[in-house]
């Protein structure tokens, strides 16, 4: 009977330690990870001069690299602008108190050309399974310009992505 109690106490201790260390393991998994993102929007383009609007769907591929020890990260975004891969700067991203699976809403600007872009504010849900990392988010387009910068753009957005090996990036960071 004493051995069973000891075994149960040991197993409970292992389970508590595993639960406590899970967020820490996730934080280490996200630091310096490259993710390939697919951004899809549904929205409206608006001509500011005439007031005319029309529905519009956009799609952009981008890469993001999270740097930081967590819970605060810098998200370095790259996407193709006029056929060239460009580092679009840094956006701060902070994990929530629930661990490293959710990041508080933050905004990334995705460019399609020198004049056309969308700003997407989103809340990502990030999952980890070994070395596999996936990124899923919904959000909204805060604004942007399309059709040669002549029309405003607003709408909703979804972002999905997964970890990519840095040696397979289409550019040199």
C-alpha atoms as a PDB file:
ATOM      1  CA  UNK A   1       0.000   0.000   0.000  1.00  0.00           C
ATOM      2  CA  UNK A   2       2.865   2.354   0.861  1.00  0.00           C
ATOM      3  CA  UNK A   3       4.519   1.657  -2.514  1.00  0.00           C
ATOM      4  CA  UNK A   4       1.293   2.461  -4.371  1.00  0.00           C
ATOM      5  CA  UNK A   5       0.995   5.811  -2.561  1.00  0.00           C
ATOM      6  CA  UNK A   6       4.617   6.559  -3.381  1.00  0.00           C
ATOM      7  CA  UNK A   7       4.075   5.653  -7.034  1.00  0.00           C
ATOM      8  CA  UNK A   8       0.912   7.805  -7.244  1.00  0.00           C
ATOM      9  CA  UNK A   9       2.729  10.749  -5.616  1.00  0.00           C
ATOM     10  CA  UNK A  10       5.625  10.351  -8.072  1.00  0.00           C
ATOM     11  CA  UNK A  11       3.277  10.244 -11.093  1.00  0.00           C
ATOM     12  CA  UNK A  12       1.416  13.332  -9.851  1.00  0.00           C
ATOM     13  CA  UNK A  13       4.710  15.179  -9.454  1.00  0.00           C
ATOM     14  CA  UNK A  14       5.735  14.229 -13.009  1.00  0.00           C
ATOM     15  CA  UNK A  15       2.385  15.444 -14.383  1.00  0.00           C
ATOM     16  CA  UNK A  16       2.677  18.778 -12.526  1.00  0.00           C
ATOM     17  CA  UNK A  17       6.226  19.302 -13.781  1.00  0.00           C
ATOM     18  CA  UNK A  18       5.158  18.493 -17.354  1.00  0.00           C
ATOM     19  CA  UNK A  19       2.246  20.945 -17.165  1.00  0.00           C
ATOM     20  CA  UNK A  20       4.449  23.716 -15.758  1.00  0.00           C
ATOM     21  CA  UNK A  21       7.235  23.206 -18.290  1.00  0.00           C
ATOM     22  CA  UNK A  22       4.959  23.044 -21.384  1.00  0.00           C
ATOM     23  CA  UNK A  23       4.739  26.853 -21.904  1.00  0.00           C
ATOM     24  CA  UNK A  24       8.506  27.151 -21.457  1.00  0.00           C
ATOM     25  CA  UNK A  25       9.137  24.476 -24.076  1.00  0.00           C
ATOM     26  CA  UNK A  26       6.811  26.261 -26.486  1.00  0.00           C
ATOM     27  CA  UNK A  27       8.579  29.580 -25.937  1.00  0.00           C
ATOM     28  CA  UNK A  28      11.872  27.980 -26.851  1.00  0.00           C
ATOM     29  CA  UNK A  29      10.249  26.375 -29.900  1.00  0.00           C
ATOM     30  CA  UNK A  30       9.059  29.732 -31.335  1.00  0.00           C
ATOM     31  CA  UNK A  31      12.282  31.702 -30.945  1.00  0.00           C
ATOM     32  CA  UNK A  32      14.163  31.997 -34.279  1.00  0.00           C
ATOM     33  CA  UNK A  33      11.517  29.966 -36.129  1.00  0.00           C
ATOM     34  CA  UNK A  34      10.730  30.765 -39.780  1.00  0.00           C
ATOM     35  CA  UNK A  35       7.117  30.364 -40.876  1.00  0.00           C
ATOM     36  CA  UNK A  36       5.702  30.491 -44.390  1.00  0.00           C
ATOM     37  CA  UNK A  37       2.375  32.352 -44.273  1.00  0.00           C
ATOM     38  CA  UNK A  38      -0.512  32.410 -46.729  1.00  0.00           C
ATOM     39  CA  UNK A  39      -2.691  35.497 -46.293  1.00  0.00           C
ATOM     40  CA  UNK A  40      -6.172  35.563 -47.824  1.00  0.00           C
ATOM     41  CA  UNK A  41      -8.513  38.537 -47.624  1.00  0.00           C
ATOM     42  CA  UNK A  42     -12.127  39.176 -48.551  1.00  0.00           C
ATOM     43  CA  UNK A  43     -13.189  42.751 -48.657  1.00  0.00           C
ATOM     44  CA  UNK A  44     -14.126  45.876 -50.500  1.00  0.00           C
ATOM     45  CA  UNK A  45     -12.077  48.268 -52.553  1.00  0.00           C
ATOM     46  CA  UNK A  46     -13.295  51.851 -52.453  1.00  0.00           C
ATOM     47  CA  UNK A  47     -12.686  54.747 -54.819  1.00  0.00           C
ATOM     48  CA  UNK A  48     -12.336  57.784 -52.570  1.00  0.00           C
ATOM     49  CA  UNK A  49     -13.121  60.245 -55.380  1.00  0.00           C
ATOM     50  CA  UNK A  50     -16.303  58.720 -56.803  1.00  0.00           C
ATOM     51  CA  UNK A  51     -17.528  56.746 -53.794  1.00  0.00           C
ATOM     52  CA  UNK A  52     -17.822  53.597 -55.900  1.00  0.00           C
ATOM     53  CA  UNK A  53     -16.947  50.303 -54.259  1.00  0.00           C
ATOM     54  CA  UNK A  54     -16.604  46.695 -55.330  1.00  0.00           C
ATOM     55  CA  UNK A  55     -15.828  43.357 -53.708  1.00  0.00           C
ATOM     56  CA  UNK A  56     -12.248  42.208 -53.867  1.00  0.00           C
ATOM     57  CA  UNK A  57     -10.255  39.168 -52.743  1.00  0.00           C
ATOM     58  CA  UNK A  58      -6.498  39.218 -52.283  1.00  0.00           C
ATOM     59  CA  UNK A  59      -3.891  36.548 -51.601  1.00  0.00           C
ATOM     60  CA  UNK A  60      -0.278  37.067 -50.478  1.00  0.00           C
ATOM     61  CA  UNK A  61       2.539  34.706 -49.499  1.00  0.00           C
ATOM     62  CA  UNK A  62       4.992  35.909 -46.867  1.00  0.00           C
ATOM     63  CA  UNK A  63       7.600  34.652 -44.432  1.00  0.00           C
ATOM     64  CA  UNK A  64       7.923  35.655 -40.790  1.00  0.00           C
ATOM     65  CA  UNK A  65      10.738  35.045 -38.334  1.00  0.00           C
ATOM     66  CA  UNK A  66      10.098  35.394 -34.598  1.00  0.00           C
ATOM     67  CA  UNK A  67      13.101  36.501 -32.529  1.00  0.00           C
ATOM     68  CA  UNK A  68      13.054  36.748 -28.764  1.00  0.00           C
ATOM     69  CA  UNK A  69      13.065  34.772 -25.588  1.00  0.00           C
ATOM     70  CA  UNK A  70       9.301  35.191 -25.099  1.00  0.00           C
ATOM     71  CA  UNK A  71       6.805  36.279 -24.131  1.00  0.00           C
ATOM     72  CA  UNK A  72       7.839  39.325 -26.201  1.00  0.00           C
ATOM     73  CA  UNK A  73       9.008  38.725 -29.762  1.00  0.00           C
ATOM     74  CA  UNK A  74      10.006  40.765 -32.749  1.00  0.00           C
ATOM     75  CA  UNK A  75       8.271  39.464 -35.863  1.00  0.00           C
ATOM     76  CA  UNK A  76      10.450  40.092 -38.943  1.00  0.00           C
ATOM     77  CA  UNK A  77       8.275  39.977 -42.050  1.00  0.00           C
ATOM     78  CA  UNK A  78       9.406  39.287 -45.628  1.00  0.00           C
ATOM     79  CA  UNK A  79       7.244  39.285 -48.724  1.00  0.00           C
ATOM     80  CA  UNK A  80       7.618  39.734 -52.438  1.00  0.00           C
ATOM     81  CA  UNK A  81       7.203  43.285 -53.772  1.00  0.00           C
ATOM     82  CA  UNK A  82       7.406  43.742 -57.551  1.00  0.00           C
ATOM     83  CA  UNK A  83       9.152  40.368 -57.915  1.00  0.00           C
ATOM     84  CA  UNK A  84      11.778  40.986 -55.215  1.00  0.00           C
ATOM     85  CA  UNK A  85      11.779  39.587 -51.662  1.00  0.00           C
ATOM     86  CA  UNK A  86      11.962  42.456 -49.189  1.00  0.00           C
ATOM     87  CA  UNK A  87      12.382  42.634 -45.406  1.00  0.00           C
ATOM     88  CA  UNK A  88       9.403  44.744 -44.401  1.00  0.00           C
ATOM     89  CA  UNK A  89      10.556  45.514 -40.878  1.00  0.00           C
ATOM     90  CA  UNK A  90       9.676  44.544 -37.378  1.00  0.00           C
ATOM     91  CA  UNK A  91       6.358  44.198 -35.556  1.00  0.00           C
ATOM     92  CA  UNK A  92       6.261  43.562 -31.809  1.00  0.00           C
ATOM     93  CA  UNK A  93       4.319  40.431 -30.842  1.00  0.00           C
ATOM     94  CA  UNK A  94       3.532  39.383 -27.291  1.00  0.00           C
ATOM     95  CA  UNK A  95       2.352  35.983 -26.125  1.00  0.00           C
ATOM     96  CA  UNK A  96      -0.647  35.975 -23.821  1.00  0.00           C
ATOM     97  CA  UNK A  97      -0.726  34.765 -20.250  1.00  0.00           C
ATOM     98  CA  UNK A  98      -2.051  31.410 -21.502  1.00  0.00           C
ATOM     99  CA  UNK A  99       1.376  30.298 -22.671  1.00  0.00           C
ATOM    100  CA  UNK A 100       2.900  30.528 -26.128  1.00  0.00           C
ATOM    101  CA  UNK A 101      -0.044  29.242 -28.170  1.00  0.00           C
ATOM    102  CA  UNK A 102      -1.789  32.609 -28.510  1.00  0.00           C
ATOM    103  CA  UNK A 103      -0.223  35.931 -29.430  1.00  0.00           C
ATOM    104  CA  UNK A 104      -2.109  39.117 -28.588  1.00  0.00           C
ATOM    105  CA  UNK A 105      -3.511  40.936 -31.639  1.00  0.00           C
ATOM    106  CA  UNK A 106      -0.795  42.605 -33.699  1.00  0.00           C
ATOM    107  CA  UNK A 107      -0.596  44.151 -37.151  1.00  0.00           C
ATOM    108  CA  UNK A 108       1.509  43.149 -40.160  1.00  0.00           C
ATOM    109  CA  UNK A 109       1.619  45.065 -43.444  1.00  0.00           C
ATOM    110  CA  UNK A 110       1.700  42.845 -46.537  1.00  0.00           C
ATOM    111  CA  UNK A 111       2.766  44.494 -49.815  1.00  0.00           C
ATOM    112  CA  UNK A 112       1.709  43.350 -53.285  1.00  0.00           C
ATOM    113  CA  UNK A 113       3.509  46.123 -55.205  1.00  0.00           C
ATOM    114  CA  UNK A 114       5.226  49.445 -54.508  1.00  0.00           C
ATOM    115  CA  UNK A 115       1.778  51.082 -54.125  1.00  0.00           C
ATOM    116  CA  UNK A 116      -0.544  48.255 -53.039  1.00  0.00           C
ATOM    117  CA  UNK A 117      -0.665  46.780 -49.538  1.00  0.00           C
ATOM    118  CA  UNK A 118      -3.000  45.585 -46.787  1.00  0.00           C
ATOM    119  CA  UNK A 119      -2.549  45.947 -43.028  1.00  0.00           C
ATOM    120  CA  UNK A 120      -3.873  42.898 -41.226  1.00  0.00           C
ATOM    121  CA  UNK A 121      -4.504  42.908 -37.484  1.00  0.00           C
ATOM    122  CA  UNK A 122      -4.871  39.344 -36.285  1.00  0.00           C
ATOM    123  CA  UNK A 123      -4.646  37.007 -33.305  1.00  0.00           C
ATOM    124  CA  UNK A 124      -2.618  33.915 -34.156  1.00  0.00           C
ATOM    125  CA  UNK A 125      -3.057  30.489 -32.639  1.00  0.00           C
ATOM    126  CA  UNK A 126       0.252  28.612 -32.767  1.00  0.00           C
ATOM    127  CA  UNK A 127       0.568  24.867 -32.229  1.00  0.00           C
ATOM    128  CA  UNK A 128       3.693  22.806 -31.645  1.00  0.00           C
ATOM    129  CA  UNK A 129       4.299  19.128 -32.269  1.00  0.00           C
ATOM    130  CA  UNK A 130       7.957  18.236 -32.056  1.00  0.00           C
ATOM    131  CA  UNK A 131       9.693  20.422 -34.620  1.00  0.00           C
ATOM    132  CA  UNK A 132       6.412  21.110 -36.469  1.00  0.00           C
ATOM    133  CA  UNK A 133       4.906  24.557 -35.859  1.00  0.00           C
ATOM    134  CA  UNK A 134       1.628  25.761 -37.380  1.00  0.00           C
ATOM    135  CA  UNK A 135       0.148  29.260 -37.436  1.00  0.00           C
ATOM    136  CA  UNK A 136      -3.566  29.953 -37.850  1.00  0.00           C
ATOM    137  CA  UNK A 137      -5.193  33.338 -37.505  1.00  0.00           C
ATOM    138  CA  UNK A 138      -8.259  35.337 -38.302  1.00  0.00           C
ATOM    139  CA  UNK A 139      -8.350  39.078 -38.333  1.00  0.00           C
ATOM    140  CA  UNK A 140      -9.343  42.168 -40.188  1.00  0.00           C
ATOM    141  CA  UNK A 141      -7.809  44.452 -42.773  1.00  0.00           C
ATOM    142  CA  UNK A 142      -7.296  47.808 -41.049  1.00  0.00           C
ATOM    143  CA  UNK A 143      -6.769  49.440 -44.394  1.00  0.00           C
ATOM    144  CA  UNK A 144      -4.603  49.474 -47.421  1.00  0.00           C
ATOM    145  CA  UNK A 145      -4.529  50.394 -51.086  1.00  0.00           C
ATOM    146  CA  UNK A 146      -5.092  48.361 -54.245  1.00  0.00           C
ATOM    147  CA  UNK A 147      -5.243  48.891 -58.011  1.00  0.00           C
ATOM    148  CA  UNK A 148      -2.115  50.981 -58.244  1.00  0.00           C
ATOM    149  CA  UNK A 149      -2.810  52.757 -54.968  1.00  0.00           C
ATOM    150  CA  UNK A 150      -5.990  54.310 -56.368  1.00  0.00           C
ATOM    151  CA  UNK A 151      -8.520  52.496 -54.168  1.00  0.00           C
ATOM    152  CA  UNK A 152      -8.757  51.942 -50.432  1.00  0.00           C
ATOM    153  CA  UNK A 153      -9.232  48.425 -49.129  1.00  0.00           C
ATOM    154  CA  UNK A 154     -11.008  47.017 -46.054  1.00  0.00           C
ATOM    155  CA  UNK A 155     -12.208  43.547 -45.096  1.00  0.00           C
ATOM    156  CA  UNK A 156     -11.492  40.323 -43.247  1.00  0.00           C
ATOM    157  CA  UNK A 157      -8.416  38.116 -43.375  1.00  0.00           C
ATOM    158  CA  UNK A 158      -7.245  34.598 -42.613  1.00  0.00           C
ATOM    159  CA  UNK A 159      -3.619  33.609 -42.231  1.00  0.00           C
ATOM    160  CA  UNK A 160      -2.294  30.066 -42.202  1.00  0.00           C
ATOM    161  CA  UNK A 161       1.246  28.866 -42.129  1.00  0.00           C
ATOM    162  CA  UNK A 162       3.789  26.333 -41.034  1.00  0.00           C
ATOM    163  CA  UNK A 163       7.441  26.084 -40.126  1.00  0.00           C
ATOM    164  CA  UNK A 164       9.925  26.215 -42.956  1.00  0.00           C
ATOM    165  CA  UNK A 165      13.594  25.278 -42.942  1.00  0.00           C
ATOM    166  CA  UNK A 166      15.654  28.512 -43.303  1.00  0.00           C
ATOM    167  CA  UNK A 167      17.790  26.844 -46.009  1.00  0.00           C
ATOM    168  CA  UNK A 168      14.637  26.538 -48.168  1.00  0.00           C
ATOM    169  CA  UNK A 169      13.735  30.261 -48.082  1.00  0.00           C
ATOM    170  CA  UNK A 170      13.474  31.920 -51.532  1.00  0.00           C
ATOM    171  CA  UNK A 171      15.783  34.738 -50.309  1.00  0.00           C
ATOM    172  CA  UNK A 172      18.823  35.187 -48.082  1.00  0.00           C
ATOM    173  CA  UNK A 173      17.939  36.870 -44.788  1.00  0.00           C
END
